[in-house]
């Protein structure tokens, strides 16, 4: 296998906001494959050749034969000249594919009849358990059919285009030769469209035929948008909000909806209905993300799939009675655990906590002067965890309830320790299936506690001022009050930051916290703020109190959960293997 001729800095995966990259500055990786047949997932790759180019310069090449793990059919040998003997000592695809993905990282993939080559590569990735990146792909067959007339090119086969453009490398049905020929064809086609005003990836996508004239005609909806971070709102014929999204460059992002880079059917349908695009300019991406959540919640746009109902999660709470129980409800109380997306998940976690903390599960209404137990159903019918400690009075039972409260806030993890002890007992007695089920239930409890306690730690701070280095050399600021973004702003490079911070704090929204774990804040907003706070380079400018998670909370069980999850995955893989063999 050859290595790149010129060392390259590690490229970054393209984002929507990079679609205006001039073609002369775009890195392309032109790839060609030889295979044992034409069916991805059934037939196998026998050779790969790839050429990395930018601005007309070859940056590197990669080429190798590949052992397909089977004999090569005679008719394929006749076409490519690659025999079974030639590939018998070649590396298998599981060794070659990671090298190719590293070689192509951050580039635009190009192939002649791209669905064929990318189909085989994706099938190989699936078969080897390799993650397939979301490459942008250019097909030179599709591009040639769009640019060339039938009289000029009755056929767009690679050999015909190579003759038409008089390229430097003749296609030979060998991977590297064909990739080199495709590079020359690509450059010739780009030169053609350059005369028509196509100079960037966005314009090239617009030029391809999968953009309807109606879709292209709506590009003017983006013309009045600023090149700044913010939120955009597509509106329909009755001025209803169809879709809400965010961007670091509003004009550039919205323009992509009217180009071939937008392939989602639902989004094309939405664009067809849209009559105008509103926007809210924001200081930076964090403010845009928070405003997006607020606007989606307010308008419930039909083309947004997530975040429409941010407060419709499920919470585990303690009931208000002399002998409290765990109940799954929509609205959190001061003693609550959540939120859960699905009610059944909340119910399963509540049942596990009740079983290992001694919280009763019977529904009998008990007075404060009664004891628990006599009115419970028989153990054989519906065992109640509270009966394991005898017949406690309301005062004795209050100690159990207090322990659950401490579990929720992270000051006591004794119920989790009981679960772990029981898992060890089951495993010692060789009841491995029972131990595995309890292990999975324990992980669910610990993860739920970790998630809420992490969010609650941020909400517990009355005022937290954070700063993150901006791309232009300045600073992005966020003023967070009780888990809500109260103010946001930036200090450009060369501007003194602290006067900006002082102004943001003075102008920040006043927050009235509630008596709930997240103090009334939206879980999605708090999670977004938490991710920003954890991102690289963020600094605490000011905090009204300590920002920390509890020492005996769910976070202290992260390592145990990681090992348990790995064990569960290995067990599943072993079971699948044994079943298949």
Protein backbone atom coordinates (compact mmCIF):
# COMPACT_ATOMS: atom_id res chain seq x y z
CA UNK A 1 0.00 0.00 0.00
CA UNK A 2 1.46 3.37 -0.93
CA UNK A 3 1.33 6.31 1.48
CA UNK A 4 0.38 9.93 0.84
CA UNK A 5 3.14 11.75 -0.98
CA UNK A 6 2.64 15.01 0.95
CA UNK A 7 2.02 15.04 4.73
CA UNK A 8 -1.30 16.65 5.61
CA UNK A 9 -2.68 18.24 8.76
CA UNK A 10 -5.60 16.25 10.16
CA UNK A 11 -8.63 17.59 8.22
CA UNK A 12 -12.00 18.28 9.79
CA UNK A 13 -15.31 16.82 8.66
CA UNK A 14 -17.26 19.26 6.52
CA UNK A 15 -20.19 21.03 8.14
CA UNK A 16 -23.19 22.75 6.61
CA UNK A 17 -21.49 26.08 7.21
CA UNK A 18 -18.52 25.06 5.03
CA UNK A 19 -20.55 24.42 1.90
CA UNK A 20 -19.42 27.74 0.32
CA UNK A 21 -15.81 26.51 0.19
CA UNK A 22 -14.38 27.42 -3.24
CA UNK A 23 -13.80 24.37 -5.40
CA UNK A 24 -10.13 25.30 -5.77
CA UNK A 25 -9.78 25.05 -1.95
CA UNK A 26 -11.83 21.86 -1.57
CA UNK A 27 -10.02 18.60 -0.86
CA UNK A 28 -11.34 15.75 -2.99
CA UNK A 29 -10.52 12.06 -2.59
CA UNK A 30 -11.22 10.27 -5.86
CA UNK A 31 -11.72 6.56 -5.29
CA UNK A 32 -12.17 3.53 -7.52
CA UNK A 33 -12.75 -0.12 -6.62
CA UNK A 34 -12.42 -3.45 -8.32
CA UNK A 35 -14.71 -6.18 -7.01
CA UNK A 36 -15.74 -9.81 -7.49
CA UNK A 37 -19.15 -8.72 -8.78
CA UNK A 38 -21.76 -5.99 -8.73
CA UNK A 39 -23.67 -6.67 -5.50
CA UNK A 40 -22.54 -4.77 -2.38
CA UNK A 41 -22.76 -6.94 0.71
CA UNK A 42 -22.68 -10.12 -1.41
CA UNK A 43 -19.63 -9.59 -3.60
CA UNK A 44 -16.29 -8.36 -2.22
CA UNK A 45 -13.65 -5.73 -2.96
CA UNK A 46 -10.45 -6.92 -4.62
CA UNK A 47 -8.61 -3.62 -5.10
CA UNK A 48 -8.88 -0.01 -4.00
CA UNK A 49 -7.21 3.04 -5.49
CA UNK A 50 -7.60 6.60 -4.23
CA UNK A 51 -6.08 9.95 -5.14
CA UNK A 52 -6.28 13.03 -2.89
CA UNK A 53 -6.29 16.35 -4.76
CA UNK A 54 -6.82 20.01 -3.98
CA UNK A 55 -6.53 22.96 -6.33
CA UNK A 56 -5.35 20.72 -9.15
CA UNK A 57 -2.44 19.36 -7.07
CA UNK A 58 -2.12 15.70 -6.12
CA UNK A 59 -1.60 15.51 -2.37
CA UNK A 60 -1.31 11.76 -2.02
CA UNK A 61 -2.28 8.34 -3.35
CA UNK A 62 -3.38 5.09 -1.76
CA UNK A 63 -3.58 1.78 -3.57
CA UNK A 64 -3.62 -1.88 -2.60
CA UNK A 65 -4.96 -5.24 -3.62
CA UNK A 66 -7.40 -6.77 -1.13
CA UNK A 67 -8.02 -10.41 -0.27
CA UNK A 68 -11.77 -10.89 -0.89
CA UNK A 69 -11.77 -14.19 1.02
CA UNK A 70 -13.00 -16.10 -2.04
CA UNK A 71 -11.94 -16.96 -5.58
CA UNK A 72 -12.39 -14.33 -8.29
CA UNK A 73 -14.84 -15.37 -11.06
CA UNK A 74 -13.26 -15.94 -14.49
CA UNK A 75 -15.28 -13.19 -16.20
CA UNK A 76 -14.03 -10.67 -13.61
CA UNK A 77 -10.45 -11.84 -14.16
CA UNK A 78 -10.96 -11.24 -17.87
CA UNK A 79 -12.10 -7.64 -17.24
CA UNK A 80 -9.62 -6.54 -14.55
CA UNK A 81 -6.72 -8.91 -14.95
CA UNK A 82 -6.75 -9.51 -11.19
CA UNK A 83 -6.45 -13.22 -10.41
CA UNK A 84 -7.05 -15.16 -7.22
CA UNK A 85 -3.31 -15.83 -6.97
CA UNK A 86 -2.60 -12.08 -6.98
CA UNK A 87 -4.78 -11.38 -3.94
CA UNK A 88 -4.11 -14.46 -1.82
CA UNK A 89 -1.40 -12.67 0.21
CA UNK A 90 -3.09 -9.25 0.13
CA UNK A 91 -4.50 -7.68 3.32
CA UNK A 92 -8.21 -8.24 4.06
CA UNK A 93 -10.69 -5.35 3.91
CA UNK A 94 -10.83 -5.01 7.73
CA UNK A 95 -7.17 -3.92 7.62
CA UNK A 96 -7.47 -1.71 4.56
CA UNK A 97 -10.70 0.15 5.31
CA UNK A 98 -9.43 2.07 8.39
CA UNK A 99 -6.42 3.27 6.35
CA UNK A 100 -8.71 4.49 3.58
CA UNK A 101 -11.04 6.28 6.00
CA UNK A 102 -8.07 8.01 7.61
CA UNK A 103 -6.79 8.97 4.15
CA UNK A 104 -10.20 10.37 3.13
CA UNK A 105 -11.12 12.03 6.43
CA UNK A 106 -12.61 15.48 5.95
CA UNK A 107 -12.57 15.32 2.16
CA UNK A 108 -15.31 15.17 -0.46
CA UNK A 109 -15.49 11.68 -1.97
CA UNK A 110 -15.55 11.46 -5.76
CA UNK A 111 -16.18 8.35 -7.83
CA UNK A 112 -17.32 7.48 -11.31
CA UNK A 113 -20.75 5.92 -10.65
CA UNK A 114 -20.41 6.80 -6.97
CA UNK A 115 -23.34 4.66 -5.70
CA UNK A 116 -21.41 1.54 -6.76
CA UNK A 117 -18.16 2.45 -4.96
CA UNK A 118 -19.75 3.96 -1.84
CA UNK A 119 -22.19 1.05 -1.68
CA UNK A 120 -19.34 -1.47 -1.48
CA UNK A 121 -17.39 0.66 1.01
CA UNK A 122 -20.41 1.10 3.29
CA UNK A 123 -21.19 -2.62 3.08
CA UNK A 124 -17.59 -3.37 4.07
CA UNK A 125 -17.85 -0.93 6.98
CA UNK A 126 -21.03 -2.64 8.19
CA UNK A 127 -19.49 -6.10 7.86
CA UNK A 128 -16.38 -5.11 9.82
CA UNK A 129 -18.16 -3.03 12.45
CA UNK A 130 -16.45 0.15 11.27
CA UNK A 131 -18.25 3.50 11.65
CA UNK A 132 -18.95 5.06 8.25
CA UNK A 133 -18.52 8.88 8.22
CA UNK A 134 -21.14 11.10 6.58
CA UNK A 135 -19.07 11.96 3.51
CA UNK A 136 -20.24 14.43 0.91
CA UNK A 137 -20.09 12.59 -2.39
CA UNK A 138 -19.72 13.80 -5.98
CA UNK A 139 -20.55 11.40 -8.80
CA UNK A 140 -18.72 12.19 -12.04
CA UNK A 141 -21.30 10.15 -14.01
CA UNK A 142 -24.09 12.38 -12.70
CA UNK A 143 -22.00 15.50 -13.21
CA UNK A 144 -21.10 14.53 -16.77
CA UNK A 145 -24.74 13.86 -17.67
CA UNK A 146 -25.64 17.31 -16.35
CA UNK A 147 -22.85 19.16 -18.18
CA UNK A 148 -22.34 17.33 -21.46
CA UNK A 149 -24.82 17.04 -24.31
CA UNK A 150 -25.80 13.71 -25.84
CA UNK A 151 -24.13 14.72 -29.11
CA UNK A 152 -20.90 15.48 -27.29
CA UNK A 153 -20.95 12.38 -25.09
CA UNK A 154 -23.45 9.69 -26.15
CA UNK A 155 -21.99 7.58 -23.31
CA UNK A 156 -20.52 8.77 -20.01
CA UNK A 157 -18.45 5.65 -19.40
CA UNK A 158 -15.06 6.51 -17.93
CA UNK A 159 -13.20 5.32 -21.02
CA UNK A 160 -15.33 7.52 -23.28
CA UNK A 161 -14.88 10.61 -21.08
CA UNK A 162 -11.15 9.93 -20.87
CA UNK A 163 -10.95 10.03 -24.70
CA UNK A 164 -13.21 13.10 -24.86
CA UNK A 165 -11.04 15.10 -22.47
CA UNK A 166 -7.75 13.53 -23.60
CA UNK A 167 -6.72 12.74 -20.03
CA UNK A 168 -3.20 11.81 -18.98
CA UNK A 169 -4.05 8.33 -17.66
CA UNK A 170 -5.90 5.68 -19.65
CA UNK A 171 -8.51 3.69 -17.69
CA UNK A 172 -7.47 0.04 -17.44
CA UNK A 173 -10.06 -1.44 -15.02
CA UNK A 174 -7.38 -1.26 -12.35
CA UNK A 175 -8.27 0.84 -9.34
CA UNK A 176 -5.43 3.38 -9.21
CA UNK A 177 -5.33 3.94 -12.96
CA UNK A 178 -9.09 4.50 -13.04
CA UNK A 179 -8.93 6.83 -10.01
CA UNK A 180 -6.21 8.88 -11.72
CA UNK A 181 -8.29 9.07 -14.89
CA UNK A 182 -11.34 10.13 -12.86
CA UNK A 183 -9.27 12.96 -11.32
CA UNK A 184 -8.61 14.35 -14.80
CA UNK A 185 -12.26 13.94 -15.78
CA UNK A 186 -13.35 15.73 -12.60
CA UNK A 187 -11.02 18.66 -13.30
CA UNK A 188 -12.28 18.91 -16.88
CA UNK A 189 -15.91 18.92 -15.74
CA UNK A 190 -15.21 21.54 -13.05
CA UNK A 191 -13.51 23.70 -15.67
CA UNK A 192 -16.65 23.48 -17.81
CA UNK A 193 -19.01 24.54 -15.02
CA UNK A 194 -16.59 27.25 -13.88
CA UNK A 195 -17.41 29.12 -17.08
CA UNK A 196 -21.07 29.04 -15.98
CA UNK A 197 -20.36 30.68 -12.60
CA UNK A 198 -20.07 27.49 -10.52
CA UNK A 199 -17.15 28.09 -8.18
CA UNK A 200 -18.12 26.50 -4.83
CA UNK A 201 -19.53 23.27 -3.42
CA UNK A 202 -22.88 24.95 -2.85
CA UNK A 203 -23.05 26.16 -6.44
CA UNK A 204 -22.00 22.75 -7.72
CA UNK A 205 -24.80 21.15 -5.67
CA UNK A 206 -27.26 23.70 -7.07
CA UNK A 207 -26.14 22.86 -10.57
CA UNK A 208 -26.85 19.15 -10.24
CA UNK A 209 -30.27 17.98 -11.49
CA UNK A 210 -31.73 16.78 -8.17
CA UNK A 211 -32.70 20.37 -7.34
CA UNK A 212 -36.11 21.24 -8.74
CA UNK A 213 -36.59 24.59 -10.44
CA UNK A 214 -39.20 25.45 -7.79
CA UNK A 215 -36.71 24.69 -5.02
CA UNK A 216 -33.96 26.70 -6.72
CA UNK A 217 -36.31 29.64 -7.31
CA UNK A 218 -36.73 30.13 -3.56
CA UNK A 219 -33.07 30.96 -3.00
CA UNK A 220 -34.06 34.62 -2.70
CA UNK A 221 -35.62 33.80 0.70
CA UNK A 222 -32.09 33.69 2.11
CA UNK A 223 -30.80 36.92 0.55
CA UNK A 224 -31.87 39.23 3.38
CA UNK A 225 -30.42 37.05 6.16
CA UNK A 226 -27.23 38.20 7.91
CA UNK A 227 -23.99 36.26 7.96
CA UNK A 228 -24.21 35.86 11.73
CA UNK A 229 -25.18 33.21 14.30
CA UNK A 230 -28.85 32.83 15.10
CA UNK A 231 -32.12 31.00 14.67
CA UNK A 232 -34.13 30.78 11.45
CA UNK A 233 -37.85 30.08 11.11
CA UNK A 234 -39.42 28.85 7.86
CA UNK A 235 -43.00 30.10 7.61
CA UNK A 236 -45.83 28.69 5.51
CA UNK A 237 -48.69 30.18 3.48
CA UNK A 238 -50.69 31.15 6.60
CA UNK A 239 -47.56 32.54 8.31
CA UNK A 240 -47.39 29.39 10.46
CA UNK A 241 -43.95 28.24 11.59
CA UNK A 242 -42.97 25.14 9.63
CA UNK A 243 -39.44 24.54 10.89
CA UNK A 244 -36.93 26.10 13.31
CA UNK A 245 -33.17 25.63 13.12
CA UNK A 246 -29.88 27.22 14.15
CA UNK A 247 -26.78 28.30 12.27
CA UNK A 248 -23.43 29.97 12.85
CA UNK A 249 -23.99 31.76 9.51
CA UNK A 250 -27.72 32.25 8.88
CA UNK A 251 -27.54 33.13 5.18
CA UNK A 252 -25.17 30.32 4.31
CA UNK A 253 -27.14 27.70 6.22
CA UNK A 254 -30.55 28.67 4.86
CA UNK A 255 -29.18 28.69 1.31
CA UNK A 256 -28.37 24.99 1.59
CA UNK A 257 -32.11 24.18 1.76
CA UNK A 258 -32.40 25.31 -1.87
CA UNK A 259 -29.48 23.22 -3.16
CA UNK A 260 -28.72 19.60 -3.91
CA UNK A 261 -26.98 19.27 -0.54
CA UNK A 262 -30.43 18.98 1.06
CA UNK A 263 -31.52 15.39 0.42
CA UNK A 264 -34.08 14.86 3.19
CA UNK A 265 -37.55 14.33 1.74
CA UNK A 266 -39.31 16.06 4.64
CA UNK A 267 -37.14 19.14 4.26
CA UNK A 268 -37.82 19.35 0.53
CA UNK A 269 -41.51 19.13 1.30
CA UNK A 270 -41.13 21.90 3.87
CA UNK A 271 -39.24 24.15 1.43
CA UNK A 272 -41.99 23.67 -1.13
CA UNK A 273 -44.51 25.08 1.39
CA UNK A 274 -42.33 27.91 2.72
CA UNK A 275 -43.15 31.49 1.74
CA UNK A 276 -40.61 33.38 3.87
CA UNK A 277 -37.81 32.91 6.40
CA UNK A 278 -37.65 34.87 9.67
CA UNK A 279 -34.58 35.01 11.84
CA UNK A 280 -33.35 35.95 15.31
CA UNK A 281 -29.73 37.05 15.36
CA UNK A 282 -27.79 35.76 18.38
CA UNK A 283 -24.48 36.48 20.06
CA UNK A 284 -23.16 32.95 19.56
CA UNK A 285 -24.17 29.33 18.98
CA UNK A 286 -25.17 28.67 22.60
CA UNK A 287 -27.72 31.48 22.62
CA UNK A 288 -29.02 30.27 19.26
CA UNK A 289 -29.45 26.75 20.64
CA UNK A 290 -31.40 27.98 23.66
CA UNK A 291 -33.63 30.23 21.55
CA UNK A 292 -34.25 27.33 19.18
CA UNK A 293 -35.54 25.20 22.06
CA UNK A 294 -37.80 28.03 23.22
CA UNK A 295 -39.23 28.69 19.74
CA UNK A 296 -39.81 25.00 19.02
CA UNK A 297 -41.63 24.65 22.34
CA UNK A 298 -43.74 27.74 21.59
CA UNK A 299 -44.69 26.91 17.99
CA UNK A 300 -44.44 23.08 17.80
CA UNK A 301 -43.37 23.23 14.12
CA UNK A 302 -44.61 20.18 12.17
CA UNK A 303 -41.24 19.57 10.47
CA UNK A 304 -39.17 19.55 13.68
CA UNK A 305 -38.89 16.04 15.06
CA UNK A 306 -37.40 16.85 18.48
CA UNK A 307 -37.87 19.26 21.35
CA UNK A 308 -41.52 20.07 20.59
CA UNK A 309 -42.65 19.23 24.10
CA UNK A 310 -39.60 19.78 26.34
CA UNK A 311 -41.55 19.48 29.61
CA UNK A 312 -43.47 16.32 28.81
CA UNK A 313 -41.07 13.93 30.47
CA UNK A 314 -41.86 11.54 33.32
CA UNK A 315 -40.65 11.95 36.89
CA UNK A 316 -40.41 9.59 39.86
CA UNK A 317 -41.71 11.38 42.97
CA UNK A 318 -42.55 10.56 46.58
CA UNK A 319 -46.26 10.79 47.31
CA UNK A 320 -47.49 13.15 50.01
CA UNK A 321 -48.89 10.87 52.72
CA UNK A 322 -47.97 9.37 56.09
CA UNK A 323 -46.36 6.33 54.37
CA UNK A 324 -45.05 7.73 51.03
CA UNK A 325 -44.71 5.61 47.91
CA UNK A 326 -42.87 6.19 44.63
CA UNK A 327 -45.15 7.47 41.89
CA UNK A 328 -44.51 8.24 38.20
CA UNK A 329 -45.98 11.62 37.25
CA UNK A 330 -45.62 14.38 34.68
CA UNK A 331 -44.71 17.27 36.98
CA UNK A 332 -41.68 17.08 39.32
CA UNK A 333 -41.90 17.83 43.03
CA UNK A 334 -39.17 18.82 45.44
CA UNK A 335 -38.28 15.11 45.87
CA UNK A 336 -38.13 13.77 42.32
CA UNK A 337 -35.92 11.83 39.92
CA UNK A 338 -36.00 12.34 36.18
CA UNK A 339 -36.92 13.23 33.59
CA UNK A 340 -37.52 10.02 31.63
CA UNK A 341 -38.66 10.06 28.01
CA UNK A 342 -40.75 6.90 28.38
CA UNK A 343 -43.08 6.10 31.26
CA UNK A 344 -42.11 2.41 31.32
CA UNK A 345 -38.44 3.35 31.90
CA UNK A 346 -39.44 5.50 34.86
CA UNK A 347 -41.65 2.73 36.25
CA UNK A 348 -38.86 0.14 36.03
CA UNK A 349 -36.38 2.42 37.81
CA UNK A 350 -38.96 3.23 40.51
CA UNK A 351 -39.62 -0.48 41.11
CA UNK A 352 -35.89 -1.19 41.44
CA UNK A 353 -35.35 1.66 43.89
CA UNK A 354 -38.37 0.58 45.95
CA UNK A 355 -37.17 -3.02 46.11
CA UNK A 356 -33.69 -2.13 47.41
CA UNK A 357 -34.60 0.79 49.64
CA UNK A 358 -37.64 -0.67 51.38
CA UNK A 359 -40.18 1.83 50.02
CA UNK A 360 -43.63 0.30 50.03
CA UNK A 361 -45.33 -0.61 46.74
CA UNK A 362 -48.76 -1.40 48.16
CA UNK A 363 -51.40 1.23 47.45
CA UNK A 364 -53.37 1.01 50.72
CA UNK A 365 -53.97 4.44 52.24
CA UNK A 366 -52.49 4.43 55.78
CA UNK A 367 -53.02 6.90 58.60
CA UNK A 368 -50.12 8.33 60.59
CA UNK A 369 -51.16 6.37 63.70
CA UNK A 370 -51.13 3.02 61.88
CA UNK A 371 -48.27 0.63 61.17
CA UNK A 372 -47.38 -0.76 57.80
CA UNK A 373 -47.94 -4.45 57.12
CA UNK A 374 -51.23 -5.79 58.42
CA UNK A 375 -53.22 -4.42 55.49
CA UNK A 376 -50.67 -5.40 52.82
CA UNK A 377 -51.55 -8.17 50.34
CA UNK A 378 -49.98 -11.58 51.09
CA UNK A 379 -46.31 -11.88 50.17
CA UNK A 380 -47.12 -14.69 47.76
CA UNK A 381 -49.45 -12.43 45.75
CA UNK A 382 -47.71 -9.04 45.79
CA UNK A 383 -44.63 -8.79 48.02
CA UNK A 384 -44.18 -5.27 49.36
CA UNK A 385 -40.55 -4.26 50.06
CA UNK A 386 -41.53 -2.40 53.24
CA UNK A 387 -42.70 -5.63 54.90
CA UNK A 388 -39.15 -7.01 54.89
CA UNK A 389 -38.35 -4.82 57.90
CA UNK A 390 -41.38 -5.96 59.88
CA UNK A 391 -44.28 -3.63 60.58
CA UNK A 392 -42.77 -0.12 60.82
CA UNK A 393 -44.60 2.85 62.29
CA UNK A 394 -44.80 6.15 60.39
CA UNK A 395 -41.75 7.47 62.30
CA UNK A 396 -39.70 4.33 61.62
CA UNK A 397 -40.76 4.32 57.98
CA UNK A 398 -39.66 7.97 57.68
CA UNK A 399 -36.00 6.82 57.89
CA UNK A 400 -36.52 4.74 54.72
CA UNK A 401 -38.09 7.70 52.92
CA UNK A 402 -35.24 10.00 53.99
CA UNK A 403 -32.73 7.54 52.54
CA UNK A 404 -34.49 7.67 49.17
CA UNK A 405 -34.38 11.47 49.31
CA UNK A 406 -30.65 11.27 49.99
CA UNK A 407 -30.25 8.81 47.10
CA UNK A 408 -31.94 11.29 44.76
CA UNK A 409 -29.69 14.20 45.77
CA UNK A 410 -26.52 12.08 45.89
CA UNK A 411 -25.61 12.04 49.57
CA UNK A 412 -26.36 8.32 50.14
CA UNK A 413 -25.85 5.48 47.68
CA UNK A 414 -26.70 2.60 50.04
CA UNK A 415 -29.55 1.26 47.81
CA UNK A 416 -27.09 0.99 44.91
CA UNK A 417 -24.65 -0.88 47.14
CA UNK A 418 -27.41 -3.33 48.10
CA UNK A 419 -28.08 -3.95 44.42
CA UNK A 420 -24.40 -4.63 43.77
CA UNK A 421 -24.22 -7.00 46.74
CA UNK A 422 -27.25 -8.90 45.47
CA UNK A 423 -25.69 -9.17 41.99
CA UNK A 424 -22.59 -10.74 43.55
CA UNK A 425 -24.74 -13.19 45.55
CA UNK A 426 -26.66 -14.27 42.45
CA UNK A 427 -23.44 -14.75 40.48
CA UNK A 428 -21.89 -16.76 43.35
CA UNK A 429 -24.92 -19.04 43.29
CA UNK A 430 -24.51 -19.35 39.50
CA UNK A 431 -27.83 -17.63 38.82
CA UNK A 432 -26.17 -15.69 36.02
CA UNK A 433 -29.30 -14.69 34.10
CA UNK A 434 -30.85 -13.21 37.25
CA UNK A 435 -27.59 -11.42 38.02
CA UNK A 436 -27.45 -10.00 34.49
CA UNK A 437 -31.01 -8.68 34.70
CA UNK A 438 -30.33 -6.99 38.03
CA UNK A 439 -27.06 -5.60 36.67
CA UNK A 440 -28.94 -3.93 33.82
CA UNK A 441 -31.57 -2.56 36.22
CA UNK A 442 -28.85 -1.17 38.48
CA UNK A 443 -27.16 0.57 35.54
CA UNK A 444 -30.49 2.18 34.65
CA UNK A 445 -30.88 3.54 38.18
CA UNK A 446 -27.30 4.84 38.35
CA UNK A 447 -27.52 6.50 34.93
CA UNK A 448 -30.82 8.19 35.83
CA UNK A 449 -29.30 9.52 39.07
CA UNK A 450 -26.16 10.71 37.29
CA UNK A 451 -28.14 12.51 34.62
CA UNK A 452 -30.40 14.39 37.02
CA UNK A 453 -27.68 15.21 39.54
CA UNK A 454 -25.48 16.63 36.79
CA UNK A 455 -28.29 18.91 35.62
CA UNK A 456 -29.26 19.79 39.19
CA UNK A 457 -25.68 20.83 39.99
CA UNK A 458 -25.85 23.51 37.31
CA UNK A 459 -29.33 24.60 38.39
CA UNK A 460 -28.24 24.90 42.02
CA UNK A 461 -25.96 27.86 41.18
CA UNK A 462 -27.95 31.11 41.41
CA UNK A 463 -25.59 32.88 39.01
CA UNK A 464 -22.76 31.43 36.93
CA UNK A 465 -20.82 33.46 34.37
CA UNK A 466 -18.86 31.41 31.82
CA UNK A 467 -16.45 32.43 29.06
CA UNK A 468 -15.21 30.47 26.07
CA UNK A 469 -12.57 31.53 23.53
CA UNK A 470 -14.21 32.65 20.28
CA UNK A 471 -12.93 31.70 16.85
CA UNK A 472 -11.93 35.31 16.08
CA UNK A 473 -9.71 35.54 19.15
CA UNK A 474 -12.27 37.21 21.43
CA UNK A 475 -14.60 35.70 24.03
CA UNK A 476 -18.12 34.29 24.10
CA UNK A 477 -19.94 34.84 27.40
CA UNK A 478 -22.96 33.17 29.02
CA UNK A 479 -24.72 34.30 32.18
CA UNK A 480 -26.61 31.32 33.64
CA UNK A 481 -29.11 31.75 36.46
CA UNK A 482 -30.67 28.70 38.11
CA UNK A 483 -30.22 26.59 34.97
CA UNK A 484 -31.44 29.19 32.49
CA UNK A 485 -29.48 31.29 30.00
CA UNK A 486 -30.16 34.76 31.37
CA UNK A 487 -27.81 36.72 29.11
CA UNK A 488 -25.30 36.11 26.30
CA UNK A 489 -22.75 38.24 24.51
CA UNK A 490 -19.29 38.48 23.00
CA UNK A 491 -16.15 40.55 23.40
CA UNK A 492 -14.33 40.92 20.10
CA UNK A 493 -10.59 40.60 19.90
CA UNK A 494 -8.95 43.66 21.43
CA UNK A 495 -12.01 44.59 23.50
CA UNK A 496 -11.62 44.54 27.29
CA UNK A 497 -13.77 41.60 28.42
CA UNK A 498 -14.77 42.53 31.98
CA UNK A 499 -16.80 45.65 31.10
CA UNK A 500 -18.71 43.44 28.65
CA UNK A 501 -19.31 40.87 31.41
CA UNK A 502 -20.52 43.58 33.80
CA UNK A 503 -22.98 44.84 31.20
CA UNK A 504 -24.31 41.35 30.51
CA UNK A 505 -24.84 40.65 34.21
CA UNK A 506 -26.72 43.92 34.70
CA UNK A 507 -28.95 43.20 31.69
CA UNK A 508 -29.52 39.53 32.53
CA UNK A 509 -33.04 38.18 32.93
CA UNK A 510 -34.34 37.87 36.46
CA UNK A 511 -35.16 34.24 37.31
CA UNK A 512 -37.64 33.00 39.92
CA UNK A 513 -36.58 29.41 40.77
CA UNK A 514 -39.10 26.74 41.72
CA UNK A 515 -38.81 24.11 44.47
CA UNK A 516 -37.95 21.22 42.14
CA UNK A 517 -34.64 19.44 41.39
CA UNK A 518 -34.04 21.59 38.29
CA UNK A 519 -35.62 24.66 39.91
CA UNK A 520 -38.19 24.94 37.12
CA UNK A 521 -35.68 25.00 34.25
CA UNK A 522 -36.23 23.02 31.05
CA UNK A 523 -34.16 19.77 31.11
CA UNK A 524 -33.16 20.24 27.47
CA UNK A 525 -31.94 23.80 28.07
CA UNK A 526 -29.97 22.76 31.15
CA UNK A 527 -28.41 19.86 29.20
CA UNK A 528 -27.41 22.26 26.41
CA UNK A 529 -25.87 24.67 28.91
CA UNK A 530 -24.07 21.77 30.60
CA UNK A 531 -22.52 20.58 27.34
CA UNK A 532 -21.31 24.11 26.63
CA UNK A 533 -19.89 24.41 30.14
CA UNK A 534 -18.00 21.12 29.66
CA UNK A 535 -16.59 22.07 26.24
CA UNK A 536 -12.92 22.79 25.71
CA UNK A 537 -11.58 26.14 26.86
CA UNK A 538 -14.55 27.23 28.98
CA UNK A 539 -13.64 29.23 32.08
CA UNK A 540 -15.65 30.28 35.12
CA UNK A 541 -15.64 34.07 35.39
CA UNK A 542 -17.92 34.23 38.42
CA UNK A 543 -20.07 31.84 40.46
CA UNK A 544 -22.41 32.72 43.30
CA UNK A 545 -21.73 29.32 44.88
CA UNK A 546 -19.79 26.14 44.21
CA UNK A 547 -20.50 24.26 40.98
CA UNK A 548 -20.08 20.57 41.87
CA UNK A 549 -21.77 17.17 41.73
CA UNK A 550 -22.40 15.09 44.90
CA UNK A 551 -19.58 12.79 46.01
CA UNK A 552 -21.89 9.77 46.50
CA UNK A 553 -24.10 10.44 43.52
CA UNK A 554 -24.53 8.58 40.26
CA UNK A 555 -21.24 9.95 38.90
CA UNK A 556 -19.32 7.85 41.45
CA UNK A 557 -20.80 4.76 39.77
CA UNK A 558 -19.70 5.69 36.24
CA UNK A 559 -16.80 3.22 36.17
CA UNK A 560 -18.94 0.36 37.50
CA UNK A 561 -21.64 1.13 34.91
CA UNK A 562 -19.06 1.23 32.14
CA UNK A 563 -17.73 -2.22 33.09
CA UNK A 564 -21.27 -3.59 33.46
CA UNK A 565 -22.29 -2.27 30.05
CA UNK A 566 -19.19 -3.76 28.43
CA UNK A 567 -19.94 -7.10 30.06
CA UNK A 568 -23.53 -6.97 28.78
CA UNK A 569 -22.36 -6.21 25.24
CA UNK A 570 -19.86 -9.08 25.26
CA UNK A 571 -22.57 -11.43 26.50
CA UNK A 572 -24.94 -10.32 23.73
CA UNK A 573 -22.29 -10.74 21.04
CA UNK A 574 -21.41 -14.21 22.34
CA UNK A 575 -25.06 -15.24 22.33
CA UNK A 576 -25.56 -13.99 18.77
CA UNK A 577 -22.45 -15.84 17.62
CA UNK A 578 -23.49 -19.09 19.27
CA UNK A 579 -26.98 -18.77 17.79
CA UNK A 580 -25.64 -18.15 14.28
CA UNK A 581 -23.27 -21.11 14.44
